[in-house]
PDB file of N, CA and C in Angstrom:
ATOM      1  N   UNK A   1       0.853  -1.158   0.000  1.00  0.00           N
ATOM      2  CA  UNK A   1       0.000   0.000   0.000  1.00  0.00           C
ATOM      3  C   UNK A   1       0.904   1.227   0.000  1.00  0.00           C
ATOM      4  N   UNK A   2       0.859   1.994  -1.089  1.00  0.00           N
ATOM      5  CA  UNK A   2       1.671   3.192  -1.201  1.00  0.00           C
ATOM      6  C   UNK A   2       0.746   4.389  -1.113  1.00  0.00           C
ATOM      7  N   UNK A   3       1.099   5.323  -0.252  1.00  0.00           N
ATOM      8  CA  UNK A   3       0.276   6.514  -0.079  1.00  0.00           C
ATOM      9  C   UNK A   3       0.854   7.642  -0.920  1.00  0.00           C
ATOM     10  N   UNK A   4      -0.026   8.406  -1.568  1.00  0.00           N
ATOM     11  CA  UNK A   4       0.428   9.542  -2.346  1.00  0.00           C
ATOM     12  C   UNK A   4       0.792  10.687  -1.408  1.00  0.00           C
ATOM     13  N   UNK A   5       1.430  11.696  -1.951  1.00  0.00           N
ATOM     14  CA  UNK A   5       1.836  12.850  -1.152  1.00  0.00           C
ATOM     15  C   UNK A   5       0.651  13.564  -0.534  1.00  0.00           C
ATOM     16  N   UNK A   6      -0.453  13.656  -1.290  1.00  0.00           N
ATOM     17  CA  UNK A   6      -1.646  14.306  -0.773  1.00  0.00           C
ATOM     18  C   UNK A   6      -2.236  13.524   0.388  1.00  0.00           C
ATOM     19  N   UNK A   7      -2.255  12.187   0.266  1.00  0.00           N
ATOM     20  CA  UNK A   7      -2.796  11.356   1.336  1.00  0.00           C
ATOM     21  C   UNK A   7      -1.949  11.473   2.595  1.00  0.00           C
ATOM     22  N   UNK A   8      -0.637  11.559   2.437  1.00  0.00           N
ATOM     23  CA  UNK A   8       0.245  11.718   3.592  1.00  0.00           C
ATOM     24  C   UNK A   8       0.014  13.069   4.253  1.00  0.00           C
ATOM     25  N   UNK A   9      -0.176  14.109   3.445  1.00  0.00           N
ATOM     26  CA  UNK A   9      -0.421  15.440   4.000  1.00  0.00           C
ATOM     27  C   UNK A   9      -1.748  15.480   4.753  1.00  0.00           C
ATOM     28  N   UNK A  10      -2.776  14.837   4.193  1.00  0.00           N
ATOM     29  CA  UNK A  10      -4.083  14.804   4.863  1.00  0.00           C
ATOM     30  C   UNK A  10      -3.974  14.018   6.162  1.00  0.00           C
ATOM     31  N   UNK A  11      -3.258  12.884   6.123  1.00  0.00           N
ATOM     32  CA  UNK A  11      -3.093  12.084   7.331  1.00  0.00           C
ATOM     33  C   UNK A  11      -2.330  12.865   8.396  1.00  0.00           C
ATOM     34  N   UNK A  12      -1.287  13.583   7.989  1.00  0.00           N
ATOM     35  CA  UNK A  12      -0.513  14.368   8.947  1.00  0.00           C
ATOM     36  C   UNK A  12      -1.359  15.496   9.532  1.00  0.00           C
ATOM     37  N   UNK A  13      -2.181  16.127   8.699  1.00  0.00           N
ATOM     38  CA  UNK A  13      -3.038  17.208   9.191  1.00  0.00           C
ATOM     39  C   UNK A  13      -4.057  16.672  10.182  1.00  0.00           C
ATOM     40  N   UNK A  14      -4.623  15.501   9.883  1.00  0.00           N
ATOM     41  CA  UNK A  14      -5.609  14.942  10.812  1.00  0.00           C
ATOM     42  C   UNK A  14      -4.947  14.522  12.115  1.00  0.00           C
ATOM     43  N   UNK A  15      -3.725  14.021  12.031  1.00  0.00           N
ATOM     44  CA  UNK A  15      -3.005  13.644  13.253  1.00  0.00           C
ATOM     45  C   UNK A  15      -2.698  14.884  14.076  1.00  0.00           C
ATOM     46  N   UNK A  16      -2.291  15.960  13.411  1.00  0.00           N
ATOM     47  CA  UNK A  16      -1.979  17.185  14.139  1.00  0.00           C
ATOM     48  C   UNK A  16      -3.241  17.777  14.757  1.00  0.00           C
ATOM     49  N   UNK A  17      -4.370  17.679  14.062  1.00  0.00           N
ATOM     50  CA  UNK A  17      -5.619  18.191  14.626  1.00  0.00           C
ATOM     51  C   UNK A  17      -6.028  17.366  15.842  1.00  0.00           C
ATOM     52  N   UNK A  18      -5.888  16.053  15.727  1.00  0.00           N
ATOM     53  CA  UNK A  18      -6.216  15.190  16.861  1.00  0.00           C
ATOM     54  C   UNK A  18      -5.239  15.428  18.002  1.00  0.00           C
ATOM     55  N   UNK A  19      -3.987  15.682  17.673  1.00  0.00           N
ATOM     56  CA  UNK A  19      -2.994  15.935  18.714  1.00  0.00           C
ATOM     57  C   UNK A  19      -3.285  17.243  19.431  1.00  0.00           C
ATOM     58  N   UNK A  20      -3.777  18.240  18.701  1.00  0.00           N
ATOM     59  CA  UNK A  20      -4.130  19.512  19.325  1.00  0.00           C
ATOM     60  C   UNK A  20      -5.277  19.345  20.299  1.00  0.00           C
ATOM     61  N   UNK A  21      -6.214  18.473  19.960  1.00  0.00           N
ATOM     62  CA  UNK A  21      -7.340  18.218  20.860  1.00  0.00           C
ATOM     63  C   UNK A  21      -6.910  17.405  22.068  1.00  0.00           C
ATOM     64  N   UNK A  22      -5.916  16.570  21.900  1.00  0.00           N
ATOM     65  CA  UNK A  22      -5.467  15.706  22.991  1.00  0.00           C
ATOM     66  C   UNK A  22      -4.336  16.330  23.790  1.00  0.00           C
ATOM     67  N   UNK A  23      -3.957  17.566  23.493  1.00  0.00           N
ATOM     68  CA  UNK A  23      -2.897  18.285  24.195  1.00  0.00           C
ATOM     69  C   UNK A  23      -1.563  17.548  24.118  1.00  0.00           C
ATOM     70  N   UNK A  24      -1.224  17.051  22.921  1.00  0.00           N
ATOM     71  CA  UNK A  24       0.059  16.400  22.657  1.00  0.00           C
ATOM     72  C   UNK A  24       0.775  17.250  21.625  1.00  0.00           C
ATOM     73  N   UNK A  25       2.081  17.244  21.677  1.00  0.00           N
ATOM     74  CA  UNK A  25       2.859  17.990  20.700  1.00  0.00           C
ATOM     75  C   UNK A  25       2.510  17.501  19.300  1.00  0.00           C
ATOM     76  N   UNK A  26       2.148  18.387  18.363  1.00  0.00           N
ATOM     77  CA  UNK A  26       1.764  17.950  17.013  1.00  0.00           C
ATOM     78  C   UNK A  26       2.901  17.258  16.275  1.00  0.00           C
ATOM     79  N   UNK A  27       4.109  17.749  16.394  1.00  0.00           N
ATOM     80  CA  UNK A  27       5.233  17.134  15.678  1.00  0.00           C
ATOM     81  C   UNK A  27       5.477  15.721  16.185  1.00  0.00           C
ATOM     82  N   UNK A  28       5.412  15.533  17.489  1.00  0.00           N
ATOM     83  CA  UNK A  28       5.629  14.202  18.070  1.00  0.00           C
ATOM     84  C   UNK A  28       4.532  13.246  17.628  1.00  0.00           C
ATOM     85  N   UNK A  29       3.289  13.700  17.599  1.00  0.00           N
ATOM     86  CA  UNK A  29       2.174  12.843  17.190  1.00  0.00           C
ATOM     87  C   UNK A  29       2.307  12.455  15.721  1.00  0.00           C
ATOM     88  N   UNK A  30       2.748  13.394  14.873  1.00  0.00           N
ATOM     89  CA  UNK A  30       2.916  13.094  13.451  1.00  0.00           C
ATOM     90  C   UNK A  30       4.025  12.077  13.247  1.00  0.00           C
ATOM     91  N   UNK A  31       5.110  12.220  13.973  1.00  0.00           N
ATOM     92  CA  UNK A  31       6.218  11.268  13.857  1.00  0.00           C
ATOM     93  C   UNK A  31       5.783   9.882  14.299  1.00  0.00           C
ATOM     94  N   UNK A  32       5.048   9.817  15.404  1.00  0.00           N
ATOM     95  CA  UNK A  32       4.580   8.515  15.890  1.00  0.00           C
ATOM     96  C   UNK A  32       3.624   7.870  14.899  1.00  0.00           C
ATOM     97  N   UNK A  33       2.755   8.662  14.281  1.00  0.00           N
ATOM     98  CA  UNK A  33       1.784   8.108  13.331  1.00  0.00           C
ATOM     99  C   UNK A  33       2.480   7.588  12.084  1.00  0.00           C
ATOM    100  N   UNK A  34       3.439   8.350  11.544  1.00  0.00           N
ATOM    101  CA  UNK A  34       4.105   7.903  10.322  1.00  0.00           C
ATOM    102  C   UNK A  34       5.042   6.743  10.594  1.00  0.00           C
ATOM    103  N   UNK A  35       5.712   6.719  11.747  1.00  0.00           N
ATOM    104  CA  UNK A  35       6.615   5.609  12.030  1.00  0.00           C
ATOM    105  C   UNK A  35       5.841   4.322  12.254  1.00  0.00           C
ATOM    106  N   UNK A  36       4.675   4.398  12.910  1.00  0.00           N
ATOM    107  CA  UNK A  36       3.891   3.182  13.105  1.00  0.00           C
ATOM    108  C   UNK A  36       3.304   2.718  11.780  1.00  0.00           C
ATOM    109  N   UNK A  37       2.973   3.645  10.896  1.00  0.00           N
ATOM    110  CA  UNK A  37       2.456   3.278   9.573  1.00  0.00           C
ATOM    111  C   UNK A  37       3.516   2.536   8.775  1.00  0.00           C
ATOM    112  N   UNK A  38       4.761   3.039   8.795  1.00  0.00           N
ATOM    113  CA  UNK A  38       5.849   2.374   8.073  1.00  0.00           C
ATOM    114  C   UNK A  38       6.161   1.013   8.680  1.00  0.00           C
ATOM    115  N   UNK A  39       6.057   0.900   9.993  1.00  0.00           N
ATOM    116  CA  UNK A  39       6.315  -0.377  10.639  1.00  0.00           C
ATOM    117  C   UNK A  39       5.290  -1.412  10.213  1.00  0.00           C
ATOM    118  N   UNK A  40       4.020  -0.994  10.096  1.00  0.00           N
ATOM    119  CA  UNK A  40       2.974  -1.923   9.652  1.00  0.00           C
ATOM    120  C   UNK A  40       3.218  -2.344   8.218  1.00  0.00           C
ATOM    121  N   UNK A  41       3.605  -1.392   7.346  1.00  0.00           N
ATOM    122  CA  UNK A  41       3.898  -1.739   5.954  1.00  0.00           C
ATOM    123  C   UNK A  41       5.056  -2.718   5.863  1.00  0.00           C
ATOM    124  N   UNK A  42       6.114  -2.493   6.631  1.00  0.00           N
ATOM    125  CA  UNK A  42       7.269  -3.389   6.595  1.00  0.00           C
ATOM    126  C   UNK A  42       6.895  -4.763   7.127  1.00  0.00           C
ATOM    127  N   UNK A  43       6.061  -4.810   8.150  1.00  0.00           N
ATOM    128  CA  UNK A  43       5.645  -6.092   8.701  1.00  0.00           C
ATOM    129  C   UNK A  43       4.833  -6.869   7.672  1.00  0.00           C
ATOM    130  N   UNK A  44       3.922  -6.184   6.987  1.00  0.00           N
ATOM    131  CA  UNK A  44       3.117  -6.857   5.975  1.00  0.00           C
ATOM    132  C   UNK A  44       3.981  -7.322   4.820  1.00  0.00           C
ATOM    133  N   UNK A  45       4.979  -6.560   4.451  1.00  0.00           N
ATOM    134  CA  UNK A  45       5.886  -6.959   3.382  1.00  0.00           C
ATOM    135  C   UNK A  45       6.683  -8.188   3.778  1.00  0.00           C
ATOM    136  N   UNK A  46       7.177  -8.237   5.002  1.00  0.00           N
ATOM    137  CA  UNK A  46       7.991  -9.357   5.459  1.00  0.00           C
ATOM    138  C   UNK A  46       7.156 -10.618   5.647  1.00  0.00           C
ATOM    139  N   UNK A  47       5.866 -10.478   5.862  1.00  0.00           N
ATOM    140  CA  UNK A  47       5.016 -11.643   6.061  1.00  0.00           C
ATOM    141  C   UNK A  47       4.833 -12.444   4.784  1.00  0.00           C
ATOM    142  N   UNK A  48       4.929 -11.797   3.631  1.00  0.00           N
ATOM    143  CA  UNK A  48       4.662 -12.474   2.365  1.00  0.00           C
ATOM    144  C   UNK A  48       5.720 -13.527   2.044  1.00  0.00           C
ATOM    145  N   UNK A  49       5.260 -14.653   1.505  1.00  0.00           N
ATOM    146  CA  UNK A  49       6.179 -15.719   1.122  1.00  0.00           C
ATOM    147  C   UNK A  49       7.055 -15.285  -0.054  1.00  0.00           C
ATOM    148  N   UNK A  50       6.532 -14.430  -0.922  1.00  0.00           N
ATOM    149  CA  UNK A  50       7.318 -14.019  -2.080  1.00  0.00           C
ATOM    150  C   UNK A  50       8.531 -13.189  -1.667  1.00  0.00           C
ATOM    151  N   UNK A  51       8.457 -12.497  -0.540  1.00  0.00           N
ATOM    152  CA  UNK A  51       9.596 -11.710  -0.067  1.00  0.00           C
ATOM    153  C   UNK A  51      10.777 -12.619   0.234  1.00  0.00           C
ATOM    154  N   UNK A  52      10.555 -13.670   1.021  1.00  0.00           N
ATOM    155  CA  UNK A  52      11.650 -14.565   1.385  1.00  0.00           C
ATOM    156  C   UNK A  52      12.110 -15.384   0.185  1.00  0.00           C
ATOM    157  N   UNK A  53      11.215 -15.679  -0.734  1.00  0.00           N
ATOM    158  CA  UNK A  53      11.613 -16.355  -1.972  1.00  0.00           C
ATOM    159  C   UNK A  53      12.545 -15.489  -2.791  1.00  0.00           C
ATOM    160  N   UNK A  54      12.261 -14.179  -2.839  1.00  0.00           N
ATOM    161  CA  UNK A  54      13.133 -13.262  -3.560  1.00  0.00           C
ATOM    162  C   UNK A  54      14.493 -13.141  -2.885  1.00  0.00           C
ATOM    163  N   UNK A  55      14.500 -13.102  -1.561  1.00  0.00           N
ATOM    164  CA  UNK A  55      15.773 -13.024  -0.835  1.00  0.00           C
ATOM    165  C   UNK A  55      16.628 -14.247  -1.154  1.00  0.00           C
ATOM    166  N   UNK A  56      16.021 -15.429  -1.149  1.00  0.00           N
ATOM    167  CA  UNK A  56      16.745 -16.655  -1.470  1.00  0.00           C
ATOM    168  C   UNK A  56      17.227 -16.635  -2.919  1.00  0.00           C
ATOM    169  N   UNK A  57      16.398 -16.141  -3.811  1.00  0.00           N
ATOM    170  CA  UNK A  57      16.776 -16.097  -5.219  1.00  0.00           C
ATOM    171  C   UNK A  57      17.967 -15.164  -5.443  1.00  0.00           C
ATOM    172  N   UNK A  58      18.003 -14.017  -4.764  1.00  0.00           N
ATOM    173  CA  UNK A  58      19.127 -13.095  -4.913  1.00  0.00           C
ATOM    174  C   UNK A  58      20.412 -13.696  -4.340  1.00  0.00           C
ATOM    175  N   UNK A  59      20.311 -14.471  -3.278  1.00  0.00           N
ATOM    176  CA  UNK A  59      21.490 -15.157  -2.748  1.00  0.00           C
ATOM    177  C   UNK A  59      22.045 -16.144  -3.750  1.00  0.00           C
ATOM    178  N   UNK A  60      21.160 -16.932  -4.378  1.00  0.00           N
ATOM    179  CA  UNK A  60      21.612 -17.877  -5.406  1.00  0.00           C
ATOM    180  C   UNK A  60      22.207 -17.139  -6.599  1.00  0.00           C
ATOM    181  N   UNK A  61      21.617 -16.014  -6.962  1.00  0.00           N
ATOM    182  CA  UNK A  61      22.131 -15.215  -8.067  1.00  0.00           C
ATOM    183  C   UNK A  61      23.548 -14.724  -7.766  1.00  0.00           C
ATOM    184  N   UNK A  62      23.784 -14.260  -6.539  1.00  0.00           N
ATOM    185  CA  UNK A  62      25.111 -13.786  -6.146  1.00  0.00           C
ATOM    186  C   UNK A  62      26.147 -14.896  -6.271  1.00  0.00           C
ATOM    187  N   UNK A  63      25.815 -16.089  -5.753  1.00  0.00           N
ATOM    188  CA  UNK A  63      26.751 -17.219  -5.832  1.00  0.00           C
ATOM    189  C   UNK A  63      27.018 -17.580  -7.284  1.00  0.00           C
ATOM    190  N   UNK A  64      25.988 -17.593  -8.116  1.00  0.00           N
ATOM    191  CA  UNK A  64      26.154 -17.934  -9.530  1.00  0.00           C
ATOM    192  C   UNK A  64      27.053 -16.925 -10.239  1.00  0.00           C
ATOM    193  N   UNK A  65      26.858 -15.653  -9.961  1.00  0.00           N
ATOM    194  CA  UNK A  65      27.682 -14.621 -10.598  1.00  0.00           C
ATOM    195  C   UNK A  65      29.146 -14.759 -10.167  1.00  0.00           C
ATOM    196  N   UNK A  66      29.382 -15.013  -8.877  1.00  0.00           N
ATOM    197  CA  UNK A  66      30.758 -15.163  -8.401  1.00  0.00           C
ATOM    198  C   UNK A  66      31.433 -16.391  -9.019  1.00  0.00           C
ATOM    199  N   UNK A  67      30.728 -17.504  -9.099  1.00  0.00           N
ATOM    200  CA  UNK A  67      31.306 -18.702  -9.721  1.00  0.00           C
ATOM    201  C   UNK A  67      31.570 -18.480 -11.204  1.00  0.00           C
ATOM    202  N   UNK A  68      30.648 -17.818 -11.885  1.00  0.00           N
ATOM    203  CA  UNK A  68      30.847 -17.524 -13.307  1.00  0.00           C
ATOM    204  C   UNK A  68      32.025 -16.600 -13.533  1.00  0.00           C
ATOM    205  N   UNK A  69      32.183 -15.610 -12.675  1.00  0.00           N
ATOM    206  CA  UNK A  69      33.318 -14.692 -12.799  1.00  0.00           C
ATOM    207  C   UNK A  69      34.633 -15.430 -12.583  1.00  0.00           C
ATOM    208  N   UNK A  70      34.665 -16.288 -11.568  1.00  0.00           N
ATOM    209  CA  UNK A  70      35.876 -17.086 -11.331  1.00  0.00           C
ATOM    210  C   UNK A  70      36.200 -17.995 -12.508  1.00  0.00           C
ATOM    211  N   UNK A  71      35.168 -18.614 -13.091  1.00  0.00           N
ATOM    212  CA  UNK A  71      35.390 -19.497 -14.239  1.00  0.00           C
ATOM    213  C   UNK A  71      35.952 -18.724 -15.425  1.00  0.00           C
ATOM    214  N   UNK A  72      35.379 -17.550 -15.702  1.00  0.00           N
ATOM    215  CA  UNK A  72      35.844 -16.747 -16.834  1.00  0.00           C
ATOM    216  C   UNK A  72      37.277 -16.271 -16.606  1.00  0.00           C
ATOM    217  N   UNK A  73      37.639 -15.998 -15.350  1.00  0.00           N
ATOM    218  CA  UNK A  73      39.003 -15.533 -15.067  1.00  0.00           C
ATOM    219  C   UNK A  73      40.016 -16.668 -15.133  1.00  0.00           C
ATOM    220  N   UNK A  74      39.616 -17.869 -14.740  1.00  0.00           N
ATOM    221  CA  UNK A  74      40.563 -18.989 -14.703  1.00  0.00           C
ATOM    222  C   UNK A  74      40.611 -19.794 -16.001  1.00  0.00           C
ATOM    223  N   UNK A  75      39.637 -19.634 -16.870  1.00  0.00           N
ATOM    224  CA  UNK A  75      39.613 -20.391 -18.120  1.00  0.00           C
ATOM    225  C   UNK A  75      40.860 -20.157 -18.978  1.00  0.00           C
ATOM    226  N   UNK A  76      41.357 -18.930 -19.143  1.00  0.00           N
ATOM    227  CA  UNK A  76      42.573 -18.741 -19.942  1.00  0.00           C
ATOM    228  C   UNK A  76      43.802 -19.424 -19.329  1.00  0.00           C
ATOM    229  N   UNK A  77      43.828 -19.573 -18.013  1.00  0.00           N
ATOM    230  CA  UNK A  77      44.975 -20.235 -17.387  1.00  0.00           C
ATOM    231  C   UNK A  77      45.029 -21.720 -17.740  1.00  0.00           C
ATOM    232  N   UNK A  78      43.886 -22.332 -17.964  1.00  0.00           N
ATOM    233  CA  UNK A  78      43.860 -23.755 -18.321  1.00  0.00           C
ATOM    234  C   UNK A  78      44.558 -23.977 -19.653  1.00  0.00           C
ATOM    235  N   UNK A  79      44.364 -23.068 -20.583  1.00  0.00           N
ATOM    236  CA  UNK A  79      45.048 -23.180 -21.875  1.00  0.00           C
ATOM    237  C   UNK A  79      46.546 -22.940 -21.758  1.00  0.00           C
ATOM    238  N   UNK A  80      46.962 -22.183 -20.766  1.00  0.00           N
ATOM    239  CA  UNK A  80      48.389 -21.890 -20.597  1.00  0.00           C
ATOM    240  C   UNK A  80      49.163 -23.105 -20.119  1.00  0.00           C
ATOM    241  N   UNK A  81      48.501 -24.068 -19.489  1.00  0.00           N
ATOM    242  CA  UNK A  81      49.211 -25.237 -18.965  1.00  0.00           C
ATOM    243  C   UNK A  81      49.498 -26.280 -20.029  1.00  0.00           C
ATOM    244  N   UNK A  82      49.099 -26.062 -21.271  1.00  0.00           N
ATOM    245  CA  UNK A  82      49.423 -26.993 -22.347  1.00  0.00           C
ATOM    246  C   UNK A  82      50.911 -26.925 -22.679  1.00  0.00           C
ATOM    247  N   UNK A  83      51.501 -25.774 -22.519  1.00  0.00           N
ATOM    248  CA  UNK A  83      52.934 -25.586 -22.749  1.00  0.00           C
ATOM    249  C   UNK A  83      53.585 -25.387 -21.381  1.00  0.00           C
ATOM    250  N   UNK A  84      54.613 -26.160 -21.033  1.00  0.00           N
ATOM    251  CA  UNK A  84      55.221 -26.050 -19.695  1.00  0.00           C
ATOM    252  C   UNK A  84      55.771 -24.654 -19.381  1.00  0.00           C
ATOM    253  N   UNK A  85      56.351 -23.995 -20.353  1.00  0.00           N
ATOM    254  CA  UNK A  85      56.930 -22.672 -20.097  1.00  0.00           C
ATOM    255  C   UNK A  85      55.817 -21.672 -19.775  1.00  0.00           C
ATOM    256  N   UNK A  86      54.757 -21.689 -20.548  1.00  0.00           N
ATOM    257  CA  UNK A  86      53.672 -20.752 -20.278  1.00  0.00           C
ATOM    258  C   UNK A  86      52.947 -21.119 -18.977  1.00  0.00           C
ATOM    259  N   UNK A  87      52.935 -22.406 -18.618  1.00  0.00           N
ATOM    260  CA  UNK A  87      52.344 -22.826 -17.346  1.00  0.00           C
ATOM    261  C   UNK A  87      53.103 -22.259 -16.165  1.00  0.00           C
ATOM    262  N   UNK A  88      54.425 -22.318 -16.233  1.00  0.00           N
ATOM    263  CA  UNK A  88      55.254 -21.760 -15.156  1.00  0.00           C
ATOM    264  C   UNK A  88      55.060 -20.251 -15.073  1.00  0.00           C
ATOM    265  N   UNK A  89      55.003 -19.601 -16.223  1.00  0.00           N
ATOM    266  CA  UNK A  89      54.786 -18.157 -16.233  1.00  0.00           C
ATOM    267  C   UNK A  89      53.390 -17.806 -15.681  1.00  0.00           C
ATOM    268  N   UNK A  90      52.391 -18.640 -15.980  1.00  0.00           N
ATOM    269  CA  UNK A  90      51.043 -18.386 -15.470  1.00  0.00           C
ATOM    270  C   UNK A  90      51.004 -18.517 -13.953  1.00  0.00           C
ATOM    271  N   UNK A  91      51.639 -19.560 -13.422  1.00  0.00           N
ATOM    272  CA  UNK A  91      51.689 -19.741 -11.966  1.00  0.00           C
ATOM    273  C   UNK A  91      52.452 -18.590 -11.317  1.00  0.00           C
ATOM    274  N   UNK A  92      53.567 -18.193 -11.909  1.00  0.00           N
ATOM    275  CA  UNK A  92      54.347 -17.074 -11.372  1.00  0.00           C
ATOM    276  C   UNK A  92      53.526 -15.782 -11.408  1.00  0.00           C
ATOM    277  N   UNK A  93      52.743 -15.582 -12.460  1.00  0.00           N
ATOM    278  CA  UNK A  93      51.902 -14.390 -12.555  1.00  0.00           C
ATOM    279  C   UNK A  93      50.821 -14.365 -11.493  1.00  0.00           C
ATOM    280  N   UNK A  94      50.202 -15.518 -11.235  1.00  0.00           N
ATOM    281  CA  UNK A  94      49.163 -15.588 -10.212  1.00  0.00           C
ATOM    282  C   UNK A  94      49.761 -15.346  -8.831  1.00  0.00           C
ATOM    283  N   UNK A  95      50.881 -16.005  -8.537  1.00  0.00           N
ATOM    284  CA  UNK A  95      51.543 -15.826  -7.242  1.00  0.00           C
ATOM    285  C   UNK A  95      52.003 -14.383  -7.074  1.00  0.00           C
ATOM    286  N   UNK A  96      52.564 -13.813  -8.129  1.00  0.00           N
ATOM    287  CA  UNK A  96      53.010 -12.422  -8.076  1.00  0.00           C
ATOM    288  C   UNK A  96      51.849 -11.464  -7.847  1.00  0.00           C
ATOM    289  N   UNK A  97      50.714 -11.741  -8.476  1.00  0.00           N
ATOM    290  CA  UNK A  97      49.531 -10.889  -8.283  1.00  0.00           C
ATOM    291  C   UNK A  97      49.026 -10.954  -6.844  1.00  0.00           C
ATOM    292  N   UNK A  98      49.004 -12.152  -6.276  1.00  0.00           N
ATOM    293  CA  UNK A  98      48.557 -12.306  -4.891  1.00  0.00           C
ATOM    294  C   UNK A  98      49.496 -11.575  -3.937  1.00  0.00           C
ATOM    295  N   UNK A  99      50.803 -11.716  -4.159  1.00  0.00           N
ATOM    296  CA  UNK A  99      51.781 -11.039  -3.306  1.00  0.00           C
ATOM    297  C   UNK A  99      51.648  -9.522  -3.452  1.00  0.00           C
ATOM    298  N   UNK A 100      51.453  -9.032  -4.671  1.00  0.00           N
ATOM    299  CA  UNK A 100      51.298  -7.600  -4.895  1.00  0.00           C
ATOM    300  C   UNK A 100      50.075  -7.051  -4.166  1.00  0.00           C
ATOM    301  N   UNK A 101      48.943  -7.745  -4.237  1.00  0.00           N
ATOM    302  CA  UNK A 101      47.738  -7.311  -3.534  1.00  0.00           C
ATOM    303  C   UNK A 101      47.973  -7.337  -2.029  1.00  0.00           C
ATOM    304  N   UNK A 102      48.637  -8.380  -1.521  1.00  0.00           N
ATOM    305  CA  UNK A 102      48.913  -8.499  -0.090  1.00  0.00           C
ATOM    306  C   UNK A 102      49.785  -7.344   0.399  1.00  0.00           C
ATOM    307  N   UNK A 103      50.858  -7.072  -0.314  1.00  0.00           N
ATOM    308  CA  UNK A 103      51.779  -5.997   0.087  1.00  0.00           C
ATOM    309  C   UNK A 103      51.077  -4.639   0.003  1.00  0.00           C
ATOM    310  N   UNK A 104      50.283  -4.432  -1.040  1.00  0.00           N
ATOM    311  CA  UNK A 104      49.572  -3.165  -1.201  1.00  0.00           C
ATOM    312  C   UNK A 104      48.581  -2.950  -0.062  1.00  0.00           C
ATOM    313  N   UNK A 105      47.795  -3.987   0.281  1.00  0.00           N
ATOM    314  CA  UNK A 105      46.836  -3.855   1.371  1.00  0.00           C
ATOM    315  C   UNK A 105      47.521  -3.636   2.712  1.00  0.00           C
ATOM    316  N   UNK A 106      48.622  -4.329   2.943  1.00  0.00           N
ATOM    317  CA  UNK A 106      49.359  -4.114   4.198  1.00  0.00           C
ATOM    318  C   UNK A 106      49.875  -2.688   4.295  1.00  0.00           C
ATOM    319  N   UNK A 107      50.360  -2.142   3.182  1.00  0.00           N
ATOM    320  CA  UNK A 107      50.859  -0.764   3.194  1.00  0.00           C
ATOM    321  C   UNK A 107      49.708   0.230   3.389  1.00  0.00           C
ATOM    322  N   UNK A 108      48.578  -0.026   2.759  1.00  0.00           N
ATOM    323  CA  UNK A 108      47.438   0.890   2.872  1.00  0.00           C
ATOM    324  C   UNK A 108      46.841   0.868   4.276  1.00  0.00           C
ATOM    325  N   UNK A 109      46.794  -0.314   4.894  1.00  0.00           N
ATOM    326  CA  UNK A 109      46.182  -0.449   6.210  1.00  0.00           C
ATOM    327  C   UNK A 109      47.171  -0.238   7.348  1.00  0.00           C
ATOM    328  N   UNK A 110      48.441  -0.094   7.042  1.00  0.00           N
ATOM    329  CA  UNK A 110      49.447   0.140   8.071  1.00  0.00           C
ATOM    330  C   UNK A 110      49.755  -1.090   8.904  1.00  0.00           C
ATOM    331  N   UNK A 111      49.666  -2.248   8.308  1.00  0.00           N
ATOM    332  CA  UNK A 111      49.961  -3.491   9.022  1.00  0.00           C
ATOM    333  C   UNK A 111      51.454  -3.758   8.902  1.00  0.00           C
ATOM    334  N   UNK A 112      52.159  -3.650  10.035  1.00  0.00           N
ATOM    335  CA  UNK A 112      53.602  -3.880  10.054  1.00  0.00           C
ATOM    336  C   UNK A 112      53.944  -4.987  11.032  1.00  0.00           C
ATOM    337  N   UNK A 113      53.198  -6.035  10.999  1.00  0.00           N
ATOM    338  CA  UNK A 113      53.385  -7.119  11.950  1.00  0.00           C
ATOM    339  C   UNK A 113      54.487  -8.050  11.465  1.00  0.00           C
ATOM    340  N   UNK A 114      55.526  -8.185  12.268  1.00  0.00           N
ATOM    341  CA  UNK A 114      56.621  -9.087  11.937  1.00  0.00           C
ATOM    342  C   UNK A 114      56.398 -10.388  12.696  1.00  0.00           C
ATOM    343  N   UNK A 115      56.349 -11.485  11.965  1.00  0.00           N
ATOM    344  CA  UNK A 115      56.075 -12.779  12.575  1.00  0.00           C
ATOM    345  C   UNK A 115      57.391 -13.531  12.684  1.00  0.00           C
ATOM    346  N   UNK A 116      57.722 -13.938  13.907  1.00  0.00           N
ATOM    347  CA  UNK A 116      58.923 -14.733  14.139  1.00  0.00           C
ATOM    348  C   UNK A 116      58.549 -16.198  13.955  1.00  0.00           C
ATOM    349  N   UNK A 117      59.156 -16.893  12.994  1.00  0.00           N
ATOM    350  CA  UNK A 117      58.758 -18.279  12.732  1.00  0.00           C
ATOM    351  C   UNK A 117      59.124 -19.227  13.869  1.00  0.00           C
ATOM    352  N   UNK A 118      60.034 -18.838  14.756  1.00  0.00           N
ATOM    353  CA  UNK A 118      60.440 -19.715  15.847  1.00  0.00           C
ATOM    354  C   UNK A 118      59.498 -19.635  17.049  1.00  0.00           C
ATOM    355  N   UNK A 119      58.771 -18.533  17.154  1.00  0.00           N
ATOM    356  CA  UNK A 119      57.861 -18.332  18.271  1.00  0.00           C
ATOM    357  C   UNK A 119      56.424 -18.458  17.767  1.00  0.00           C
ATOM    358  N   UNK A 120      55.726 -19.460  18.248  1.00  0.00           N
ATOM    359  CA  UNK A 120      54.325 -19.635  17.810  1.00  0.00           C
ATOM    360  C   UNK A 120      53.400 -19.468  18.928  1.00  0.00           C
TER     361      UNK A 120
END
């Protein structure tokens, strides 16, 4: 249920008129009326089965997009392993990219943690 601007103005005016008769602050009464109206709308929306079905569908869509993106990114690497030299270069490129991202993020976030391999 969507209310037009005119309907909201009429509702606010009636709330303010009722608030004036009840000796309540008009602004406070209008806020309470609109917030309870939105709460009822949200509750009715969440009650519908189609809402949760859509939430589940968007989750599946996200997973599908991420898997598809990974497949498209890794597909060229599969062809590189046909030749041993290009396979080694592909592995070195992937490792180098991971190290570059790691070093860049550590520098950006100010992480200067030195790990002593002898002390665990």
